């Protein structure tokens, strides 16, 4: 399944603050699956937007600003940006054959 872990659970509602979310594919015991190369698609609801993604693969030609990217060694980072309105940002990550994951970031 997909696991999401944010660097911060609250960011500023200034239209510029970012939260970096580590995206991992893990097995039922929570161990990283380093062979996972799934295409992960992102959707965002609330007071923010998907800003970029990075998978660390030096050979990847994928566009970083599109809300989708393949994992590299079972991981990648997704970045969301706040709007200027306080509230919440909900990021959902999904991939074919994997249980999706959702994380919520507060904006103040």
N, C-alpha and C. Protein backbone atom coordinates (compact mmCIF):
# COMPACT_ATOMS: atom_id res chain seq x y z
N UNK A 1 0.84 -1.19 0.00
CA UNK A 1 0.00 0.00 0.00
C UNK A 1 0.88 1.24 0.00
N UNK A 2 0.25 2.38 -0.27
CA UNK A 2 0.96 3.65 -0.28
C UNK A 2 0.94 4.24 1.13
N UNK A 3 2.06 4.81 1.53
CA UNK A 3 2.17 5.48 2.83
C UNK A 3 2.63 6.91 2.57
N UNK A 4 1.99 7.88 3.24
CA UNK A 4 2.33 9.29 3.10
C UNK A 4 2.77 9.87 4.44
N UNK A 5 3.90 10.58 4.44
CA UNK A 5 4.41 11.21 5.66
C UNK A 5 4.83 12.64 5.32
N UNK A 6 4.19 13.62 5.96
CA UNK A 6 4.50 15.03 5.70
C UNK A 6 5.61 15.53 6.61
N UNK A 7 6.41 16.44 6.10
CA UNK A 7 7.46 17.05 6.93
C UNK A 7 6.86 17.96 7.99
N UNK A 8 5.68 18.55 7.70
CA UNK A 8 4.98 19.41 8.66
C UNK A 8 3.49 19.18 8.51
N UNK A 9 2.77 19.19 9.59
CA UNK A 9 1.31 18.99 9.53
C UNK A 9 0.56 20.31 9.43
N UNK A 10 1.24 21.43 9.67
CA UNK A 10 0.64 22.75 9.57
C UNK A 10 1.59 23.67 8.82
N UNK A 11 1.05 24.40 7.83
CA UNK A 11 1.84 25.38 7.09
C UNK A 11 1.10 26.71 7.06
N UNK A 12 1.79 27.76 6.65
CA UNK A 12 1.20 29.09 6.61
C UNK A 12 0.26 29.22 5.42
N UNK A 13 -0.85 29.91 5.62
CA UNK A 13 -1.81 30.18 4.55
C UNK A 13 -1.42 31.48 3.86
N UNK A 14 -0.26 31.48 3.22
CA UNK A 14 0.24 32.69 2.58
C UNK A 14 0.38 32.55 1.06
N UNK A 15 -0.07 31.41 0.52
CA UNK A 15 0.02 31.19 -0.92
C UNK A 15 1.39 30.79 -1.41
N UNK A 16 2.36 30.61 -0.47
CA UNK A 16 3.72 30.27 -0.86
C UNK A 16 4.32 29.14 -0.04
N UNK A 17 3.76 28.86 1.14
CA UNK A 17 4.35 27.85 2.01
C UNK A 17 4.14 26.45 1.42
N UNK A 18 5.11 25.58 1.66
CA UNK A 18 5.11 24.25 1.09
C UNK A 18 5.18 23.17 2.16
N UNK A 19 4.60 22.03 1.86
CA UNK A 19 4.78 20.84 2.68
C UNK A 19 5.32 19.75 1.76
N UNK A 20 6.40 19.11 2.19
CA UNK A 20 7.05 18.04 1.44
C UNK A 20 6.56 16.71 2.01
N UNK A 21 5.96 15.90 1.16
CA UNK A 21 5.34 14.65 1.60
C UNK A 21 6.10 13.47 1.01
N UNK A 22 6.65 12.64 1.87
CA UNK A 22 7.33 11.44 1.42
C UNK A 22 6.29 10.39 1.08
N UNK A 23 6.42 9.84 -0.11
CA UNK A 23 5.50 8.83 -0.63
C UNK A 23 6.27 7.52 -0.72
N UNK A 24 5.76 6.47 -0.05
CA UNK A 24 6.45 5.18 -0.06
C UNK A 24 5.45 4.07 -0.35
N UNK A 25 5.92 3.01 -0.97
CA UNK A 25 5.15 1.78 -1.08
C UNK A 25 5.73 0.82 -0.06
N UNK A 26 4.86 0.34 0.83
CA UNK A 26 5.29 -0.56 1.90
C UNK A 26 4.45 -1.83 1.88
N UNK A 27 5.01 -2.89 2.44
CA UNK A 27 4.26 -4.15 2.54
C UNK A 27 3.40 -4.14 3.80
N UNK A 28 2.72 -5.25 4.07
CA UNK A 28 1.79 -5.30 5.20
C UNK A 28 2.49 -5.13 6.55
N UNK A 29 3.81 -5.34 6.60
CA UNK A 29 4.58 -5.14 7.84
C UNK A 29 5.17 -3.74 7.94
N UNK A 30 4.92 -2.90 6.92
CA UNK A 30 5.44 -1.54 6.94
C UNK A 30 6.84 -1.40 6.37
N UNK A 31 7.36 -2.47 5.74
CA UNK A 31 8.69 -2.43 5.14
C UNK A 31 8.63 -1.84 3.74
N UNK A 32 9.60 -1.00 3.41
CA UNK A 32 9.69 -0.40 2.09
C UNK A 32 9.82 -1.48 1.03
N UNK A 33 9.14 -1.28 -0.09
CA UNK A 33 9.23 -2.19 -1.25
C UNK A 33 10.10 -1.49 -2.30
N UNK A 34 11.42 -1.69 -2.27
CA UNK A 34 12.32 -0.94 -3.14
C UNK A 34 12.20 -1.25 -4.62
N UNK A 35 11.51 -2.33 -4.98
CA UNK A 35 11.32 -2.65 -6.39
C UNK A 35 10.07 -1.99 -6.98
N UNK A 36 9.28 -1.32 -6.17
CA UNK A 36 8.05 -0.68 -6.66
C UNK A 36 8.39 0.47 -7.59
N UNK A 37 7.80 0.45 -8.77
CA UNK A 37 8.03 1.49 -9.78
C UNK A 37 6.70 2.02 -10.31
N UNK A 38 5.65 1.94 -9.51
CA UNK A 38 4.30 2.32 -9.93
C UNK A 38 4.21 3.80 -10.32
N UNK A 39 3.27 4.08 -11.22
CA UNK A 39 2.92 5.46 -11.53
C UNK A 39 1.91 5.92 -10.49
N UNK A 40 2.27 6.93 -9.71
CA UNK A 40 1.40 7.44 -8.66
C UNK A 40 0.74 8.71 -9.18
N UNK A 41 -0.59 8.77 -9.02
CA UNK A 41 -1.36 9.94 -9.43
C UNK A 41 -1.85 10.66 -8.17
N UNK A 42 -1.86 11.99 -8.22
CA UNK A 42 -2.21 12.81 -7.07
C UNK A 42 -3.44 13.66 -7.36
N UNK A 43 -4.25 13.83 -6.32
CA UNK A 43 -5.35 14.79 -6.38
C UNK A 43 -5.33 15.59 -5.08
N UNK A 44 -5.69 16.85 -5.18
CA UNK A 44 -5.67 17.75 -4.02
C UNK A 44 -7.03 18.43 -3.91
N UNK A 45 -7.52 18.49 -2.67
CA UNK A 45 -8.76 19.21 -2.37
C UNK A 45 -8.47 20.18 -1.25
N UNK A 46 -9.21 21.26 -1.21
CA UNK A 46 -9.07 22.21 -0.11
C UNK A 46 -8.25 23.42 -0.47
N UNK A 47 -7.62 24.01 0.53
CA UNK A 47 -6.93 25.29 0.42
C UNK A 47 -5.47 25.15 0.03
N UNK A 48 -5.24 24.54 -1.11
CA UNK A 48 -3.89 24.38 -1.61
C UNK A 48 -3.89 23.70 -2.96
N UNK A 49 -2.70 23.40 -3.45
CA UNK A 49 -2.58 22.76 -4.75
C UNK A 49 -1.32 21.90 -4.80
N UNK A 50 -1.31 20.98 -5.76
CA UNK A 50 -0.12 20.18 -6.01
C UNK A 50 0.90 21.09 -6.68
N UNK A 51 2.10 21.12 -6.15
CA UNK A 51 3.13 22.02 -6.69
C UNK A 51 4.13 21.29 -7.57
N UNK A 52 4.63 20.13 -7.07
CA UNK A 52 5.66 19.41 -7.83
C UNK A 52 5.89 18.04 -7.20
N UNK A 53 6.65 17.24 -7.93
CA UNK A 53 7.06 15.94 -7.42
C UNK A 53 8.49 15.67 -7.84
N UNK A 54 9.15 14.79 -7.10
CA UNK A 54 10.52 14.40 -7.41
C UNK A 54 10.72 12.97 -6.95
N UNK A 55 11.36 12.17 -7.81
CA UNK A 55 11.56 10.78 -7.43
C UNK A 55 13.03 10.41 -7.24
N UNK A 56 13.94 11.30 -7.52
CA UNK A 56 15.36 11.03 -7.30
C UNK A 56 16.02 10.22 -8.40
N UNK A 57 15.28 9.87 -9.44
CA UNK A 57 15.84 9.08 -10.54
C UNK A 57 16.55 10.02 -11.51
N UNK A 58 17.87 9.95 -11.61
CA UNK A 58 18.60 10.88 -12.48
C UNK A 58 18.32 10.66 -13.97
N UNK A 59 17.71 9.52 -14.34
CA UNK A 59 17.41 9.26 -15.74
C UNK A 59 15.96 9.59 -16.10
N UNK A 60 15.17 10.02 -15.14
CA UNK A 60 13.76 10.30 -15.37
C UNK A 60 13.58 11.58 -16.19
N UNK A 61 12.71 11.49 -17.19
CA UNK A 61 12.37 12.66 -18.00
C UNK A 61 10.95 13.13 -17.74
N UNK A 62 10.35 12.63 -16.65
CA UNK A 62 8.98 13.00 -16.30
C UNK A 62 8.92 14.46 -15.88
N UNK A 63 7.81 15.11 -16.20
CA UNK A 63 7.62 16.51 -15.84
C UNK A 63 7.27 16.61 -14.36
N UNK A 64 8.02 17.40 -13.62
CA UNK A 64 7.87 17.47 -12.17
C UNK A 64 6.60 18.18 -11.73
N UNK A 65 6.02 19.03 -12.58
CA UNK A 65 4.85 19.80 -12.18
C UNK A 65 3.53 19.09 -12.46
N UNK A 66 3.54 17.97 -13.18
CA UNK A 66 2.31 17.20 -13.41
C UNK A 66 1.97 16.40 -12.17
N UNK A 67 0.68 16.25 -11.86
CA UNK A 67 0.31 15.53 -10.63
C UNK A 67 0.37 14.01 -10.79
N UNK A 68 1.47 13.53 -11.34
CA UNK A 68 1.73 12.10 -11.44
C UNK A 68 3.21 11.89 -11.69
N UNK A 69 3.73 10.77 -11.18
CA UNK A 69 5.14 10.45 -11.39
C UNK A 69 5.37 9.01 -10.96
N UNK A 70 6.33 8.35 -11.60
CA UNK A 70 6.69 6.99 -11.21
C UNK A 70 7.58 7.02 -9.98
N UNK A 71 7.40 6.03 -9.14
CA UNK A 71 8.27 5.85 -7.99
C UNK A 71 9.66 5.44 -8.46
N UNK A 72 10.65 5.72 -7.66
CA UNK A 72 12.01 5.26 -7.90
C UNK A 72 12.47 4.57 -6.64
N UNK A 73 12.77 3.30 -6.75
CA UNK A 73 13.16 2.49 -5.59
C UNK A 73 12.09 2.53 -4.50
N UNK A 74 10.83 2.58 -4.93
CA UNK A 74 9.71 2.51 -4.00
C UNK A 74 9.34 3.80 -3.32
N UNK A 75 9.96 4.93 -3.71
CA UNK A 75 9.71 6.20 -3.03
C UNK A 75 9.68 7.38 -3.99
N UNK A 76 9.15 8.47 -3.51
CA UNK A 76 9.25 9.78 -4.15
C UNK A 76 8.78 10.86 -3.17
N UNK A 77 8.86 12.10 -3.56
CA UNK A 77 8.37 13.21 -2.75
C UNK A 77 7.34 13.99 -3.55
N UNK A 78 6.23 14.30 -2.91
CA UNK A 78 5.20 15.17 -3.49
C UNK A 78 5.19 16.47 -2.68
N UNK A 79 4.98 17.58 -3.36
CA UNK A 79 5.00 18.89 -2.71
C UNK A 79 3.66 19.57 -2.93
N UNK A 80 3.04 20.03 -1.83
CA UNK A 80 1.81 20.81 -1.93
C UNK A 80 2.08 22.23 -1.43
N UNK A 81 1.35 23.18 -2.01
CA UNK A 81 1.50 24.59 -1.67
C UNK A 81 0.19 25.13 -1.13
N UNK A 82 0.27 25.98 -0.13
CA UNK A 82 -0.94 26.56 0.47
C UNK A 82 -1.55 27.61 -0.44
N UNK A 83 -2.83 27.89 -0.19
CA UNK A 83 -3.48 29.05 -0.80
C UNK A 83 -3.37 30.18 0.23
N UNK A 84 -4.06 31.27 -0.02
CA UNK A 84 -4.03 32.37 0.94
C UNK A 84 -5.19 32.30 1.93
N UNK A 85 -5.96 31.22 1.88
CA UNK A 85 -7.07 31.02 2.79
C UNK A 85 -6.73 29.93 3.80
N UNK A 86 -6.97 30.15 5.09
CA UNK A 86 -6.75 29.10 6.07
C UNK A 86 -7.75 27.96 5.88
N UNK A 87 -7.33 26.78 6.24
CA UNK A 87 -8.19 25.60 6.12
C UNK A 87 -7.35 24.34 6.11
N UNK A 88 -7.69 23.42 5.21
CA UNK A 88 -6.93 22.18 5.10
C UNK A 88 -6.65 21.87 3.64
N UNK A 89 -5.56 21.15 3.43
CA UNK A 89 -5.19 20.61 2.12
C UNK A 89 -5.23 19.10 2.27
N UNK A 90 -5.98 18.43 1.42
CA UNK A 90 -6.05 16.97 1.45
C UNK A 90 -5.43 16.43 0.18
N UNK A 91 -4.33 15.69 0.32
CA UNK A 91 -3.64 15.07 -0.80
C UNK A 91 -3.97 13.58 -0.81
N UNK A 92 -4.40 13.08 -1.97
CA UNK A 92 -4.64 11.65 -2.15
C UNK A 92 -3.68 11.13 -3.20
N UNK A 93 -3.02 10.02 -2.89
CA UNK A 93 -2.10 9.36 -3.81
C UNK A 93 -2.66 8.00 -4.15
N UNK A 94 -2.72 7.68 -5.45
CA UNK A 94 -3.24 6.39 -5.87
C UNK A 94 -2.39 5.82 -7.00
N UNK A 95 -2.36 4.49 -7.08
CA UNK A 95 -1.62 3.79 -8.12
C UNK A 95 -2.30 2.46 -8.38
N UNK A 96 -2.26 2.02 -9.60
CA UNK A 96 -2.90 0.77 -9.99
C UNK A 96 -2.30 -0.39 -9.18
N UNK A 97 -3.20 -1.17 -8.56
CA UNK A 97 -2.77 -2.34 -7.81
C UNK A 97 -2.39 -2.07 -6.37
N UNK A 98 -2.46 -0.81 -5.93
CA UNK A 98 -2.09 -0.45 -4.56
C UNK A 98 -3.26 0.22 -3.86
N UNK A 99 -3.33 0.03 -2.54
CA UNK A 99 -4.31 0.74 -1.73
C UNK A 99 -3.89 2.21 -1.67
N UNK A 100 -4.79 3.15 -2.01
CA UNK A 100 -4.43 4.57 -1.99
C UNK A 100 -4.24 5.09 -0.57
N UNK A 101 -3.68 6.29 -0.49
CA UNK A 101 -3.46 6.93 0.82
C UNK A 101 -3.86 8.40 0.73
N UNK A 102 -4.26 8.94 1.86
CA UNK A 102 -4.66 10.34 1.96
C UNK A 102 -3.99 10.95 3.18
N UNK A 103 -3.58 12.22 3.03
CA UNK A 103 -3.00 12.95 4.16
C UNK A 103 -3.59 14.36 4.14
N UNK A 104 -3.77 14.93 5.33
CA UNK A 104 -4.32 16.27 5.45
C UNK A 104 -3.31 17.19 6.13
N UNK A 105 -3.10 18.34 5.52
CA UNK A 105 -2.20 19.38 6.05
C UNK A 105 -3.07 20.58 6.40
N UNK A 106 -2.90 21.14 7.59
CA UNK A 106 -3.63 22.35 7.98
C UNK A 106 -2.90 23.58 7.47
N UNK A 107 -3.68 24.60 7.09
CA UNK A 107 -3.08 25.89 6.73
C UNK A 107 -3.64 26.95 7.66
N UNK A 108 -2.77 27.75 8.22
CA UNK A 108 -3.16 28.80 9.18
C UNK A 108 -2.55 30.13 8.79
